[in-house]
N, C-alpha and C. Protein backbone atom coordinates (compact mmCIF):
# COMPACT_ATOMS: atom_id res chain seq x y z
N UNK A 1 -12.41 -27.15 -0.73
CA UNK A 1 -11.50 -27.38 0.38
C UNK A 1 -10.13 -27.78 -0.16
N UNK A 2 -9.11 -27.26 0.45
CA UNK A 2 -7.75 -27.51 0.03
C UNK A 2 -7.25 -28.81 0.63
N UNK A 3 -6.73 -29.71 -0.20
CA UNK A 3 -6.18 -30.97 0.29
C UNK A 3 -4.68 -30.85 0.45
N UNK A 4 -4.18 -31.24 1.60
CA UNK A 4 -2.75 -31.15 1.91
C UNK A 4 -2.16 -32.55 1.99
N UNK A 5 -0.91 -32.68 1.53
CA UNK A 5 -0.22 -33.95 1.65
C UNK A 5 0.27 -34.11 3.10
N UNK A 6 0.70 -35.31 3.41
CA UNK A 6 1.21 -35.58 4.76
C UNK A 6 2.47 -34.73 5.03
N UNK A 7 3.35 -34.63 4.04
CA UNK A 7 4.57 -33.85 4.20
C UNK A 7 4.25 -32.37 4.43
N UNK A 8 3.26 -31.85 3.69
CA UNK A 8 2.86 -30.46 3.88
C UNK A 8 2.29 -30.24 5.27
N UNK A 9 1.44 -31.17 5.73
CA UNK A 9 0.86 -31.03 7.05
C UNK A 9 1.93 -31.05 8.14
N UNK A 10 2.92 -31.93 8.00
CA UNK A 10 3.99 -31.99 8.99
C UNK A 10 4.78 -30.68 9.06
N UNK A 11 5.08 -30.10 7.91
CA UNK A 11 5.80 -28.85 7.86
C UNK A 11 4.96 -27.72 8.45
N UNK A 12 3.67 -27.70 8.15
CA UNK A 12 2.78 -26.65 8.68
C UNK A 12 2.56 -26.82 10.17
N UNK A 13 2.50 -28.03 10.68
CA UNK A 13 2.38 -28.27 12.13
C UNK A 13 3.60 -27.71 12.85
N UNK A 14 4.75 -27.91 12.26
CA UNK A 14 6.00 -27.38 12.87
C UNK A 14 5.97 -25.86 12.90
N UNK A 15 5.49 -25.24 11.81
CA UNK A 15 5.42 -23.79 11.77
C UNK A 15 4.37 -23.25 12.76
N UNK A 16 3.28 -23.98 12.92
CA UNK A 16 2.16 -23.53 13.77
C UNK A 16 2.47 -23.68 15.26
N UNK A 17 3.45 -24.50 15.59
CA UNK A 17 3.74 -24.79 16.99
C UNK A 17 3.95 -23.52 17.82
N UNK A 18 4.64 -22.53 17.28
CA UNK A 18 4.96 -21.33 18.04
C UNK A 18 3.88 -20.25 17.95
N UNK A 19 2.86 -20.44 17.12
CA UNK A 19 1.84 -19.43 16.96
C UNK A 19 0.87 -19.41 18.14
N UNK A 20 0.28 -18.25 18.36
CA UNK A 20 -0.80 -18.11 19.33
C UNK A 20 -2.12 -18.06 18.57
N UNK A 21 -3.23 -18.47 19.21
CA UNK A 21 -4.53 -18.41 18.51
C UNK A 21 -4.88 -16.96 18.17
N UNK A 22 -5.29 -16.75 16.93
CA UNK A 22 -5.67 -15.41 16.46
C UNK A 22 -7.16 -15.17 16.63
N UNK A 23 -7.94 -16.19 16.34
CA UNK A 23 -9.41 -16.10 16.44
C UNK A 23 -9.89 -17.05 17.52
N UNK A 24 -10.87 -16.59 18.32
CA UNK A 24 -11.47 -17.41 19.35
C UNK A 24 -12.96 -17.52 19.07
N UNK A 25 -13.43 -18.74 18.95
CA UNK A 25 -14.84 -18.98 18.73
C UNK A 25 -15.48 -19.29 20.07
N UNK A 26 -16.37 -18.40 20.51
CA UNK A 26 -16.98 -18.51 21.83
C UNK A 26 -18.23 -19.37 21.83
N UNK A 27 -19.08 -19.10 22.82
CA UNK A 27 -20.29 -19.91 23.01
C UNK A 27 -21.30 -19.66 21.89
N UNK A 28 -21.18 -18.57 21.16
CA UNK A 28 -22.10 -18.27 20.05
C UNK A 28 -21.90 -19.17 18.86
N UNK A 29 -20.80 -19.88 18.84
CA UNK A 29 -20.53 -20.81 17.74
C UNK A 29 -19.96 -20.11 16.51
N UNK A 30 -20.09 -20.76 15.41
CA UNK A 30 -19.52 -20.27 14.14
C UNK A 30 -20.54 -19.36 13.44
N UNK A 31 -20.51 -18.09 13.81
CA UNK A 31 -21.43 -17.12 13.23
C UNK A 31 -20.81 -16.48 11.98
N UNK A 32 -21.63 -15.79 11.18
CA UNK A 32 -21.08 -15.10 9.99
C UNK A 32 -19.98 -14.11 10.32
N UNK A 33 -20.09 -13.42 11.47
CA UNK A 33 -19.07 -12.45 11.83
C UNK A 33 -17.75 -13.14 12.18
N UNK A 34 -17.82 -14.34 12.78
CA UNK A 34 -16.61 -15.09 13.07
C UNK A 34 -15.96 -15.56 11.78
N UNK A 35 -16.78 -16.02 10.83
CA UNK A 35 -16.25 -16.43 9.53
C UNK A 35 -15.57 -15.27 8.81
N UNK A 36 -16.16 -14.07 8.90
CA UNK A 36 -15.56 -12.89 8.29
C UNK A 36 -14.20 -12.58 8.92
N UNK A 37 -14.13 -12.73 10.24
CA UNK A 37 -12.86 -12.46 10.94
C UNK A 37 -11.79 -13.47 10.53
N UNK A 38 -12.18 -14.73 10.38
CA UNK A 38 -11.22 -15.76 9.93
C UNK A 38 -10.78 -15.45 8.51
N UNK A 39 -11.71 -15.03 7.66
CA UNK A 39 -11.38 -14.67 6.27
C UNK A 39 -10.38 -13.51 6.25
N UNK A 40 -10.63 -12.50 7.10
CA UNK A 40 -9.70 -11.35 7.17
C UNK A 40 -8.31 -11.80 7.63
N UNK A 41 -8.29 -12.68 8.62
CA UNK A 41 -7.01 -13.18 9.13
C UNK A 41 -6.27 -14.00 8.09
N UNK A 42 -6.99 -14.80 7.29
CA UNK A 42 -6.35 -15.61 6.26
C UNK A 42 -5.79 -14.77 5.13
N UNK A 43 -6.31 -13.54 4.95
CA UNK A 43 -5.76 -12.66 3.91
C UNK A 43 -4.39 -12.13 4.31
N UNK A 44 -4.11 -12.04 5.61
CA UNK A 44 -2.80 -11.53 6.02
C UNK A 44 -1.88 -12.62 6.56
N UNK A 45 -2.43 -13.72 7.01
CA UNK A 45 -1.62 -14.85 7.51
C UNK A 45 -2.05 -16.10 6.76
N UNK A 46 -1.10 -16.88 6.31
CA UNK A 46 -1.46 -18.10 5.61
C UNK A 46 -1.78 -19.24 6.57
N UNK A 47 -1.31 -19.17 7.79
CA UNK A 47 -1.48 -20.22 8.79
C UNK A 47 -2.12 -19.64 10.04
N UNK A 48 -3.24 -20.23 10.48
CA UNK A 48 -3.98 -19.69 11.64
C UNK A 48 -4.17 -20.75 12.71
N UNK A 49 -4.14 -20.29 13.94
CA UNK A 49 -4.59 -21.11 15.05
C UNK A 49 -5.91 -20.51 15.52
N UNK A 50 -6.90 -21.36 15.71
CA UNK A 50 -8.22 -20.91 16.17
C UNK A 50 -8.55 -21.70 17.44
N UNK A 51 -8.97 -20.97 18.48
CA UNK A 51 -9.37 -21.63 19.73
C UNK A 51 -10.90 -21.71 19.74
N UNK A 52 -11.42 -22.89 20.05
CA UNK A 52 -12.88 -23.09 20.09
C UNK A 52 -13.28 -23.38 21.53
N UNK A 53 -14.16 -22.57 22.06
CA UNK A 53 -14.63 -22.74 23.43
C UNK A 53 -15.87 -23.65 23.47
N UNK A 54 -15.67 -24.90 23.09
CA UNK A 54 -16.74 -25.89 23.09
C UNK A 54 -16.13 -27.21 23.54
N UNK A 55 -16.84 -27.92 24.39
CA UNK A 55 -16.30 -29.16 24.96
C UNK A 55 -16.50 -30.40 24.08
N UNK A 56 -17.38 -30.30 23.09
CA UNK A 56 -17.72 -31.47 22.26
C UNK A 56 -16.74 -31.58 21.08
N UNK A 57 -16.00 -32.68 21.03
CA UNK A 57 -14.99 -32.88 19.98
C UNK A 57 -15.62 -32.93 18.60
N UNK A 58 -16.75 -33.60 18.46
CA UNK A 58 -17.39 -33.72 17.14
C UNK A 58 -17.83 -32.35 16.63
N UNK A 59 -18.30 -31.50 17.53
CA UNK A 59 -18.70 -30.15 17.14
C UNK A 59 -17.51 -29.35 16.64
N UNK A 60 -16.38 -29.48 17.34
CA UNK A 60 -15.17 -28.78 16.91
C UNK A 60 -14.69 -29.28 15.56
N UNK A 61 -14.74 -30.60 15.35
CA UNK A 61 -14.35 -31.16 14.08
C UNK A 61 -15.27 -30.70 12.95
N UNK A 62 -16.59 -30.59 13.25
CA UNK A 62 -17.53 -30.11 12.26
C UNK A 62 -17.27 -28.63 11.92
N UNK A 63 -16.91 -27.84 12.93
CA UNK A 63 -16.59 -26.44 12.72
C UNK A 63 -15.36 -26.31 11.81
N UNK A 64 -14.34 -27.11 12.07
CA UNK A 64 -13.14 -27.06 11.24
C UNK A 64 -13.47 -27.43 9.78
N UNK A 65 -14.27 -28.45 9.61
CA UNK A 65 -14.67 -28.90 8.28
C UNK A 65 -15.44 -27.78 7.57
N UNK A 66 -16.36 -27.12 8.29
CA UNK A 66 -17.17 -26.04 7.69
C UNK A 66 -16.30 -24.84 7.33
N UNK A 67 -15.39 -24.48 8.21
CA UNK A 67 -14.48 -23.36 7.93
C UNK A 67 -13.66 -23.65 6.67
N UNK A 68 -13.10 -24.83 6.60
CA UNK A 68 -12.26 -25.19 5.45
C UNK A 68 -13.06 -25.22 4.16
N UNK A 69 -14.29 -25.70 4.22
CA UNK A 69 -15.13 -25.77 3.02
C UNK A 69 -15.55 -24.39 2.56
N UNK A 70 -16.00 -23.54 3.47
CA UNK A 70 -16.51 -22.21 3.09
C UNK A 70 -15.39 -21.28 2.66
N UNK A 71 -14.20 -21.39 3.26
CA UNK A 71 -13.13 -20.45 2.99
C UNK A 71 -12.03 -21.01 2.09
N UNK A 72 -12.25 -22.22 1.56
CA UNK A 72 -11.29 -22.87 0.66
C UNK A 72 -9.92 -22.96 1.32
N UNK A 73 -9.90 -23.51 2.53
CA UNK A 73 -8.67 -23.66 3.29
C UNK A 73 -8.45 -25.14 3.54
N UNK A 74 -7.28 -25.45 4.10
CA UNK A 74 -6.93 -26.83 4.40
C UNK A 74 -6.82 -27.04 5.90
N UNK A 75 -7.31 -28.16 6.38
CA UNK A 75 -7.22 -28.50 7.80
C UNK A 75 -5.85 -29.10 8.06
N UNK A 76 -5.10 -28.47 8.92
CA UNK A 76 -3.74 -28.96 9.26
C UNK A 76 -3.81 -29.84 10.49
N UNK A 77 -4.49 -29.36 11.54
CA UNK A 77 -4.45 -30.09 12.81
C UNK A 77 -5.66 -29.72 13.65
N UNK A 78 -6.12 -30.66 14.43
CA UNK A 78 -7.17 -30.45 15.43
C UNK A 78 -6.71 -31.15 16.69
N UNK A 79 -6.22 -30.38 17.62
CA UNK A 79 -5.70 -30.96 18.84
C UNK A 79 -6.31 -30.22 20.02
N UNK A 80 -7.08 -30.93 20.82
CA UNK A 80 -7.78 -30.30 21.93
C UNK A 80 -8.79 -29.28 21.42
N UNK A 81 -8.72 -28.09 21.95
CA UNK A 81 -9.63 -27.04 21.52
C UNK A 81 -9.00 -26.10 20.50
N UNK A 82 -7.89 -26.52 19.93
CA UNK A 82 -7.16 -25.70 18.95
C UNK A 82 -7.31 -26.31 17.56
N UNK A 83 -7.69 -25.46 16.60
CA UNK A 83 -7.76 -25.83 15.19
C UNK A 83 -6.67 -25.08 14.46
N UNK A 84 -5.99 -25.76 13.55
CA UNK A 84 -4.98 -25.10 12.74
C UNK A 84 -5.45 -25.18 11.29
N UNK A 85 -5.54 -24.02 10.65
CA UNK A 85 -6.05 -23.88 9.29
C UNK A 85 -4.99 -23.24 8.42
N UNK A 86 -4.90 -23.69 7.17
CA UNK A 86 -3.91 -23.15 6.22
C UNK A 86 -4.59 -22.80 4.91
N UNK A 87 -4.26 -21.64 4.39
CA UNK A 87 -4.64 -21.24 3.03
C UNK A 87 -3.50 -20.40 2.47
N UNK A 88 -2.95 -20.78 1.31
CA UNK A 88 -1.82 -20.01 0.76
C UNK A 88 -2.24 -18.58 0.50
N UNK A 89 -1.32 -17.67 0.69
CA UNK A 89 -1.57 -16.26 0.40
C UNK A 89 -1.70 -16.08 -1.10
N UNK A 90 -2.47 -15.09 -1.51
CA UNK A 90 -2.69 -14.84 -2.94
C UNK A 90 -1.40 -14.39 -3.60
N UNK A 91 -0.60 -13.62 -2.89
CA UNK A 91 0.67 -13.14 -3.42
C UNK A 91 1.77 -14.02 -2.87
N UNK A 92 2.42 -14.75 -3.74
CA UNK A 92 3.54 -15.58 -3.32
C UNK A 92 4.82 -14.75 -3.31
N UNK A 93 5.50 -14.76 -2.21
CA UNK A 93 6.75 -14.03 -2.10
C UNK A 93 7.84 -14.79 -2.86
N UNK A 94 8.77 -14.03 -3.41
CA UNK A 94 9.87 -14.66 -4.15
C UNK A 94 10.75 -15.40 -3.18
N UNK A 95 11.25 -16.53 -3.60
CA UNK A 95 12.12 -17.31 -2.74
C UNK A 95 13.47 -16.60 -2.60
N UNK A 96 14.11 -16.72 -1.46
CA UNK A 96 15.39 -16.04 -1.30
C UNK A 96 16.42 -16.59 -2.27
N UNK A 97 17.28 -15.68 -2.71
CA UNK A 97 18.31 -16.10 -3.67
C UNK A 97 19.34 -16.96 -2.96
N UNK A 98 19.84 -17.93 -3.66
CA UNK A 98 20.84 -18.83 -3.09
C UNK A 98 22.22 -18.18 -3.24
N UNK A 99 23.10 -18.55 -2.35
CA UNK A 99 24.45 -18.04 -2.36
C UNK A 99 25.16 -18.58 -3.61
N UNK A 100 25.89 -17.72 -4.26
CA UNK A 100 26.64 -18.14 -5.42
C UNK A 100 27.75 -19.09 -5.02
N UNK A 101 28.02 -20.03 -5.88
CA UNK A 101 29.14 -20.94 -5.63
C UNK A 101 30.44 -20.15 -5.76
N UNK A 102 31.31 -20.41 -4.90
CA UNK A 102 32.59 -19.70 -4.93
C UNK A 102 33.45 -20.20 -3.75
N UNK A 103 34.12 -19.27 -3.14
CA UNK A 103 34.97 -19.63 -2.03
C UNK A 103 34.11 -20.12 -0.86
N UNK A 104 34.60 -21.12 -0.12
CA UNK A 104 33.87 -21.54 1.06
C UNK A 104 33.95 -20.46 2.14
N UNK A 105 32.98 -20.48 3.03
CA UNK A 105 32.97 -19.49 4.11
C UNK A 105 34.09 -19.77 5.10
N UNK A 106 34.61 -18.70 5.70
CA UNK A 106 35.65 -18.84 6.72
C UNK A 106 35.00 -19.22 8.04
N UNK A 107 35.79 -19.60 9.04
CA UNK A 107 35.27 -19.94 10.35
C UNK A 107 34.55 -18.74 10.98
N UNK A 108 35.12 -17.55 10.77
CA UNK A 108 34.53 -16.36 11.33
C UNK A 108 33.17 -16.08 10.71
N UNK A 109 33.05 -16.25 9.39
CA UNK A 109 31.78 -16.04 8.71
C UNK A 109 30.75 -17.07 9.17
N UNK A 110 31.18 -18.32 9.34
CA UNK A 110 30.25 -19.35 9.81
C UNK A 110 29.80 -19.08 11.23
N UNK A 111 30.68 -18.52 12.07
CA UNK A 111 30.35 -18.20 13.44
C UNK A 111 29.35 -17.08 13.56
N UNK A 112 29.31 -16.18 12.58
CA UNK A 112 28.41 -15.05 12.61
C UNK A 112 26.98 -15.46 12.20
N UNK A 113 26.82 -16.65 11.67
CA UNK A 113 25.48 -17.08 11.22
C UNK A 113 24.65 -17.57 12.30
């Protein structure tokens, strides 16, 4: 299971705020096919929202713990029936290049940003 720092969790919560749930766990619970779907989703998205259709909070927390343990992911948030899971992508994208130091931007250039 991936351990996240408080700062990482806060940043991931902010990113997850606008996401919609990708996987929905129904009344059948956490079946192998649901785990496979979560695994497929984690290969293309590093941050997932999962909706759990179960009224018991402890059951939802246990599902989140099991998902994170089996798929080597980190638990970001559990709020209501929504679970937020994070696992870094295998391929890390290059960070964007920084602007070279030079002349400051004009008002027109700043307005276009």
